[in-house]
C-alpha cells in the first residue's frame, strides 16, 4: 500500500513539474487534459492551457516506475514528446545512479535490438535522445514480437542497491501510435 501511495505522489509531482508555463511558474490548474489513454503502464496524454490569449497544446507518452518506496524513495521514468524535428525521449534517473555498462537495453524475443550506456549522458538525472537517436530507440521498442519485448534497465541505485527494471513493451507499439495520432491532430508533429 505504501508503494501505491509513493507511486501516486510521484505521478502527481511529475504532473506538477510538467504543468509549468513558459516562464517556469507552477500552474498545474491551468492545464486541461484533452486526451488520456493508458496502455498497461504506458500513458498517452494530451492537454492544453491558455497562454497570452492563445491555446498552448502538448502531448506526451510516459512510463513511470517507483522501484523503491520511502524512506529510500527512488524512481525512473521515460517521457516521449513531439519536437519540431521529430520526437524527443527523456529518461529520468535518480542522481547517484550508476548503470552496469550498456545497462539500458531493448530485448525482443530474447534478442538484443538496442543498447546504450546511460552513464555517458547522465546530466541532472536524465538522458535525452533526439532526432535519429530517438527514432532508433523508439523503433526498437515498437518492434513486433512473438513472445516478449522489454526495456531492461540494469543499474546500482543511489542507495547502493543493485536493480534490474524490466519494462513490458507489449503495448508500446499501440501506445506510441496513439501518441503520434493525437500529436498530429494537434499539429505538434507532421
C-alpha atoms as a PDB file:
ATOM      1  CA  UNK A   1       0.000   0.000   0.000  1.00  0.00           C
ATOM      2  CA  UNK A   2       2.878   2.357   0.796  1.00  0.00           C
ATOM      3  CA  UNK A   3       4.279   1.710  -2.705  1.00  0.00           C
ATOM      4  CA  UNK A   4       0.956   2.699  -4.232  1.00  0.00           C
ATOM      5  CA  UNK A   5       0.907   5.971  -2.299  1.00  0.00           C
ATOM      6  CA  UNK A   6       4.531   6.667  -3.256  1.00  0.00           C
ATOM      7  CA  UNK A   7       3.743   5.990  -6.929  1.00  0.00           C
ATOM      8  CA  UNK A   8       0.736   8.302  -6.818  1.00  0.00           C
ATOM      9  CA  UNK A   9       2.793  11.007  -5.102  1.00  0.00           C
ATOM     10  CA  UNK A  10       5.445  10.698  -7.805  1.00  0.00           C
ATOM     11  CA  UNK A  11       2.895  10.912 -10.610  1.00  0.00           C
ATOM     12  CA  UNK A  12       1.330  13.979  -9.065  1.00  0.00           C
ATOM     13  CA  UNK A  13       4.718  15.610  -8.596  1.00  0.00           C
ATOM     14  CA  UNK A  14       5.693  14.825 -12.197  1.00  0.00           C
ATOM     15  CA  UNK A  15       2.425  16.314 -13.433  1.00  0.00           C
ATOM     16  CA  UNK A  16       3.208  19.443 -11.448  1.00  0.00           C
ATOM     17  CA  UNK A  17       6.679  19.642 -12.957  1.00  0.00           C
ATOM     18  CA  UNK A  18       5.251  19.253 -16.432  1.00  0.00           C
ATOM     19  CA  UNK A  19       2.480  21.746 -15.715  1.00  0.00           C
ATOM     20  CA  UNK A  20       4.518  24.913 -15.871  1.00  0.00           C
ATOM     21  CA  UNK A  21       4.077  27.975 -18.007  1.00  0.00           C
ATOM     22  CA  UNK A  22       6.745  29.328 -20.367  1.00  0.00           C
ATOM     23  CA  UNK A  23       8.351  31.292 -17.516  1.00  0.00           C
ATOM     24  CA  UNK A  24       8.604  28.185 -15.293  1.00  0.00           C
ATOM     25  CA  UNK A  25       5.769  29.197 -12.966  1.00  0.00           C
ATOM     26  CA  UNK A  26       3.997  26.224 -11.429  1.00  0.00           C
ATOM     27  CA  UNK A  27       0.467  26.408 -12.857  1.00  0.00           C
ATOM     28  CA  UNK A  28      -0.956  22.875 -12.790  1.00  0.00           C
ATOM     29  CA  UNK A  29      -4.540  24.155 -12.569  1.00  0.00           C
ATOM     30  CA  UNK A  30      -4.226  25.785 -15.990  1.00  0.00           C
ATOM     31  CA  UNK A  31      -3.730  22.521 -17.881  1.00  0.00           C
ATOM     32  CA  UNK A  32      -6.840  20.678 -19.029  1.00  0.00           C
ATOM     33  CA  UNK A  33      -6.442  17.074 -20.145  1.00  0.00           C
ATOM     34  CA  UNK A  34      -7.913  16.610 -23.633  1.00  0.00           C
ATOM     35  CA  UNK A  35      -6.786  13.018 -24.171  1.00  0.00           C
ATOM     36  CA  UNK A  36      -5.728  10.246 -21.807  1.00  0.00           C
ATOM     37  CA  UNK A  37      -5.366   6.614 -22.768  1.00  0.00           C
ATOM     38  CA  UNK A  38      -3.440   4.002 -20.758  1.00  0.00           C
ATOM     39  CA  UNK A  39      -1.626   1.112 -22.440  1.00  0.00           C
ATOM     40  CA  UNK A  40      -0.619  -1.015 -19.482  1.00  0.00           C
ATOM     41  CA  UNK A  41       1.699   1.294 -17.570  1.00  0.00           C
ATOM     42  CA  UNK A  42       2.331   3.485 -20.648  1.00  0.00           C
ATOM     43  CA  UNK A  43       0.126   6.607 -20.707  1.00  0.00           C
ATOM     44  CA  UNK A  44      -0.657   8.613 -23.857  1.00  0.00           C
ATOM     45  CA  UNK A  45      -1.629  12.101 -22.674  1.00  0.00           C
ATOM     46  CA  UNK A  46      -2.504  15.426 -24.300  1.00  0.00           C
ATOM     47  CA  UNK A  47      -3.511  18.607 -22.532  1.00  0.00           C
ATOM     48  CA  UNK A  48      -3.819  22.312 -23.168  1.00  0.00           C
ATOM     49  CA  UNK A  49      -3.684  25.648 -21.386  1.00  0.00           C
ATOM     50  CA  UNK A  50      -4.413  29.256 -22.245  1.00  0.00           C
ATOM     51  CA  UNK A  51      -1.270  31.410 -22.601  1.00  0.00           C
ATOM     52  CA  UNK A  52      -1.275  35.066 -23.649  1.00  0.00           C
ATOM     53  CA  UNK A  53      -4.736  34.739 -25.186  1.00  0.00           C
ATOM     54  CA  UNK A  54      -3.983  31.611 -27.220  1.00  0.00           C
ATOM     55  CA  UNK A  55      -4.223  27.894 -26.542  1.00  0.00           C
ATOM     56  CA  UNK A  56      -0.957  26.025 -25.907  1.00  0.00           C
ATOM     57  CA  UNK A  57      -1.196  22.301 -26.649  1.00  0.00           C
ATOM     58  CA  UNK A  58       1.119  19.441 -25.778  1.00  0.00           C
ATOM     59  CA  UNK A  59       1.171  15.633 -25.861  1.00  0.00           C
ATOM     60  CA  UNK A  60       3.463  13.093 -24.243  1.00  0.00           C
ATOM     61  CA  UNK A  61       3.869   9.367 -23.766  1.00  0.00           C
ATOM     62  CA  UNK A  62       5.106   8.348 -20.321  1.00  0.00           C
ATOM     63  CA  UNK A  63       6.092   5.393 -18.194  1.00  0.00           C
ATOM     64  CA  UNK A  64       6.900   5.832 -14.509  1.00  0.00           C
ATOM     65  CA  UNK A  65       8.188   3.181 -12.125  1.00  0.00           C
ATOM     66  CA  UNK A  66       8.690   3.749  -8.428  1.00  0.00           C
ATOM     67  CA  UNK A  67      11.109   0.946  -7.622  1.00  0.00           C
ATOM     68  CA  UNK A  68      11.899   1.887  -4.031  1.00  0.00           C
ATOM     69  CA  UNK A  69       9.358   3.312  -1.570  1.00  0.00           C
ATOM     70  CA  UNK A  70      10.079   5.783   1.236  1.00  0.00           C
ATOM     71  CA  UNK A  71      12.262   6.290   3.157  1.00  0.00           C
ATOM     72  CA  UNK A  72      14.695   5.339   0.361  1.00  0.00           C
ATOM     73  CA  UNK A  73      12.369   6.590  -2.358  1.00  0.00           C
ATOM     74  CA  UNK A  74      13.608   6.117  -5.924  1.00  0.00           C
ATOM     75  CA  UNK A  75      12.001   6.077  -9.358  1.00  0.00           C
ATOM     76  CA  UNK A  76      12.780   6.034 -13.043  1.00  0.00           C
ATOM     77  CA  UNK A  77      10.664   7.432 -15.853  1.00  0.00           C
ATOM     78  CA  UNK A  78      10.589   7.783 -19.614  1.00  0.00           C
ATOM     79  CA  UNK A  79       8.820  10.603 -21.483  1.00  0.00           C
ATOM     80  CA  UNK A  80       8.403  10.941 -25.238  1.00  0.00           C
ATOM     81  CA  UNK A  81       7.402  14.365 -26.540  1.00  0.00           C
ATOM     82  CA  UNK A  82       6.918  15.844 -30.020  1.00  0.00           C
ATOM     83  CA  UNK A  83       9.558  18.296 -31.238  1.00  0.00           C
ATOM     84  CA  UNK A  84       9.884  20.325 -34.441  1.00  0.00           C
ATOM     85  CA  UNK A  85      12.404  17.833 -35.846  1.00  0.00           C
ATOM     86  CA  UNK A  86      10.754  14.586 -34.705  1.00  0.00           C
ATOM     87  CA  UNK A  87      10.411  13.075 -31.261  1.00  0.00           C
ATOM     88  CA  UNK A  88      12.401  13.531 -28.057  1.00  0.00           C
ATOM     89  CA  UNK A  89      12.923  10.814 -25.441  1.00  0.00           C
ATOM     90  CA  UNK A  90      13.830  11.759 -21.867  1.00  0.00           C
ATOM     91  CA  UNK A  91      14.900   9.070 -19.447  1.00  0.00           C
ATOM     92  CA  UNK A  92      14.677  10.347 -15.873  1.00  0.00           C
ATOM     93  CA  UNK A  93      17.071   8.701 -13.491  1.00  0.00           C
ATOM     94  CA  UNK A  94      17.769   9.296  -9.805  1.00  0.00           C
ATOM     95  CA  UNK A  95      21.015  11.188  -9.192  1.00  0.00           C
ATOM     96  CA  UNK A  96      23.704   8.839  -7.924  1.00  0.00           C
ATOM     97  CA  UNK A  97      22.597   6.002 -10.221  1.00  0.00           C
ATOM     98  CA  UNK A  98      25.381   4.019 -11.888  1.00  0.00           C
ATOM     99  CA  UNK A  99      24.486   1.792 -14.839  1.00  0.00           C
ATOM    100  CA  UNK A 100      26.235  -1.513 -15.459  1.00  0.00           C
ATOM    101  CA  UNK A 101      27.949  -0.947 -18.835  1.00  0.00           C
ATOM    102  CA  UNK A 102      25.328  -0.803 -21.566  1.00  0.00           C
ATOM    103  CA  UNK A 103      22.715  -1.089 -18.864  1.00  0.00           C
ATOM    104  CA  UNK A 104      19.784   0.125 -20.953  1.00  0.00           C
ATOM    105  CA  UNK A 105      18.595  -2.453 -23.490  1.00  0.00           C
ATOM    106  CA  UNK A 106      15.624  -3.346 -25.656  1.00  0.00           C
ATOM    107  CA  UNK A 107      15.214  -7.134 -25.713  1.00  0.00           C
ATOM    108  CA  UNK A 108      12.782  -8.582 -28.220  1.00  0.00           C
ATOM    109  CA  UNK A 109      12.134 -12.348 -28.192  1.00  0.00           C
ATOM    110  CA  UNK A 110      15.445 -12.886 -26.349  1.00  0.00           C
ATOM    111  CA  UNK A 111      17.360 -10.834 -28.975  1.00  0.00           C
ATOM    112  CA  UNK A 112      19.032  -7.532 -28.118  1.00  0.00           C
ATOM    113  CA  UNK A 113      17.749  -4.888 -30.577  1.00  0.00           C
ATOM    114  CA  UNK A 114      19.240  -1.785 -28.967  1.00  0.00           C
ATOM    115  CA  UNK A 115      21.593  -0.972 -26.118  1.00  0.00           C
ATOM    116  CA  UNK A 116      23.075   2.132 -24.575  1.00  0.00           C
ATOM    117  CA  UNK A 117      25.329   3.190 -21.707  1.00  0.00           C
ATOM    118  CA  UNK A 118      23.354   5.899 -19.840  1.00  0.00           C
ATOM    119  CA  UNK A 119      26.439   6.721 -17.783  1.00  0.00           C
ATOM    120  CA  UNK A 120      27.570   8.670 -20.867  1.00  0.00           C
ATOM    121  CA  UNK A 121      24.703  11.157 -20.747  1.00  0.00           C
ATOM    122  CA  UNK A 122      23.582  11.473 -17.148  1.00  0.00           C
ATOM    123  CA  UNK A 123      23.130  15.214 -16.739  1.00  0.00           C
ATOM    124  CA  UNK A 124      20.952  16.406 -13.887  1.00  0.00           C
ATOM    125  CA  UNK A 125      19.446  12.927 -13.595  1.00  0.00           C
ATOM    126  CA  UNK A 126      18.307  12.439 -17.182  1.00  0.00           C
ATOM    127  CA  UNK A 127      19.388  11.211 -20.589  1.00  0.00           C
ATOM    128  CA  UNK A 128      17.882  12.871 -23.642  1.00  0.00           C
ATOM    129  CA  UNK A 129      17.639  11.318 -27.110  1.00  0.00           C
ATOM    130  CA  UNK A 130      16.640  13.468 -30.079  1.00  0.00           C
ATOM    131  CA  UNK A 131      16.479  13.159 -33.865  1.00  0.00           C
ATOM    132  CA  UNK A 132      17.812   9.888 -35.267  1.00  0.00           C
ATOM    133  CA  UNK A 133      18.855   8.626 -31.804  1.00  0.00           C
ATOM    134  CA  UNK A 134      15.282   8.979 -30.529  1.00  0.00           C
ATOM    135  CA  UNK A 135      13.807   7.403 -33.666  1.00  0.00           C
ATOM    136  CA  UNK A 136      16.124   4.370 -33.443  1.00  0.00           C
ATOM    137  CA  UNK A 137      15.282   3.880 -29.741  1.00  0.00           C
ATOM    138  CA  UNK A 138      11.515   4.237 -30.294  1.00  0.00           C
ATOM    139  CA  UNK A 139      11.568   1.943 -33.346  1.00  0.00           C
ATOM    140  CA  UNK A 140      13.382  -0.763 -31.354  1.00  0.00           C
ATOM    141  CA  UNK A 141      10.810  -0.525 -28.540  1.00  0.00           C
ATOM    142  CA  UNK A 142       7.909  -0.729 -31.041  1.00  0.00           C
ATOM    143  CA  UNK A 143       9.341  -3.710 -32.958  1.00  0.00           C
ATOM    144  CA  UNK A 144       6.789  -6.546 -33.381  1.00  0.00           C
ATOM    145  CA  UNK A 145       7.474  -9.619 -31.272  1.00  0.00           C
ATOM    146  CA  UNK A 146       6.163 -13.143 -30.837  1.00  0.00           C
ATOM    147  CA  UNK A 147       6.853 -13.868 -27.171  1.00  0.00           C
ATOM    148  CA  UNK A 148       8.125 -10.847 -25.270  1.00  0.00           C
ATOM    149  CA  UNK A 149       9.586  -7.404 -25.685  1.00  0.00           C
ATOM    150  CA  UNK A 150      11.030  -5.403 -22.818  1.00  0.00           C
ATOM    151  CA  UNK A 151      13.160  -2.438 -21.901  1.00  0.00           C
ATOM    152  CA  UNK A 152      15.814  -3.519 -19.410  1.00  0.00           C
ATOM    153  CA  UNK A 153      17.451  -1.058 -17.043  1.00  0.00           C
ATOM    154  CA  UNK A 154      20.382  -2.592 -15.119  1.00  0.00           C
ATOM    155  CA  UNK A 155      21.976  -0.334 -12.504  1.00  0.00           C
ATOM    156  CA  UNK A 156      23.030   0.325  -8.934  1.00  0.00           C
ATOM    157  CA  UNK A 157      20.796   2.975  -7.363  1.00  0.00           C
ATOM    158  CA  UNK A 158      21.850   5.923  -5.219  1.00  0.00           C
ATOM    159  CA  UNK A 159      21.392   3.766  -2.102  1.00  0.00           C
ATOM    160  CA  UNK A 160      23.969   1.282  -3.469  1.00  0.00           C
ATOM    161  CA  UNK A 161      21.323  -1.373  -4.221  1.00  0.00           C
ATOM    162  CA  UNK A 162      21.564  -3.353  -7.459  1.00  0.00           C
ATOM    163  CA  UNK A 163      18.416  -3.016  -9.576  1.00  0.00           C
ATOM    164  CA  UNK A 164      17.114  -4.660 -12.723  1.00  0.00           C
ATOM    165  CA  UNK A 165      13.973  -2.983 -14.058  1.00  0.00           C
ATOM    166  CA  UNK A 166      12.096  -4.919 -16.705  1.00  0.00           C
ATOM    167  CA  UNK A 167       9.536  -2.732 -18.532  1.00  0.00           C
ATOM    168  CA  UNK A 168       6.959  -4.549 -20.620  1.00  0.00           C
ATOM    169  CA  UNK A 169       6.876  -3.260 -24.219  1.00  0.00           C
ATOM    170  CA  UNK A 170       3.986  -5.473 -25.376  1.00  0.00           C
ATOM    171  CA  UNK A 171       1.651  -2.433 -25.594  1.00  0.00           C
ATOM    172  CA  UNK A 172       4.280   0.143 -26.549  1.00  0.00           C
ATOM    173  CA  UNK A 173       3.586  -0.003 -30.298  1.00  0.00           C
ATOM    174  CA  UNK A 174      -0.104   0.803 -29.727  1.00  0.00           C
ATOM    175  CA  UNK A 175       0.807   3.486 -27.188  1.00  0.00           C
ATOM    176  CA  UNK A 176       3.279   5.269 -29.481  1.00  0.00           C
ATOM    177  CA  UNK A 177       0.817   5.007 -32.380  1.00  0.00           C
ATOM    178  CA  UNK A 178      -1.926   6.648 -30.302  1.00  0.00           C
ATOM    179  CA  UNK A 179       0.513   9.325 -29.097  1.00  0.00           C
ATOM    180  CA  UNK A 180       1.585  10.132 -32.697  1.00  0.00           C
ATOM    181  CA  UNK A 181      -2.027  10.287 -33.947  1.00  0.00           C
ATOM    182  CA  UNK A 182      -3.016  12.638 -31.120  1.00  0.00           C
ATOM    183  CA  UNK A 183       0.102  14.792 -31.658  1.00  0.00           C
ATOM    184  CA  UNK A 184      -0.646  15.052 -35.414  1.00  0.00           C
ATOM    185  CA  UNK A 185      -4.269  16.016 -34.737  1.00  0.00           C
ATOM    186  CA  UNK A 186      -2.972  18.898 -32.607  1.00  0.00           C
ATOM    187  CA  UNK A 187      -0.368  19.834 -35.257  1.00  0.00           C
ATOM    188  CA  UNK A 188       2.514  19.107 -32.854  1.00  0.00           C
ATOM    189  CA  UNK A 189       4.216  16.813 -35.411  1.00  0.00           C
ATOM    190  CA  UNK A 190       3.889  16.326 -39.164  1.00  0.00           C
END
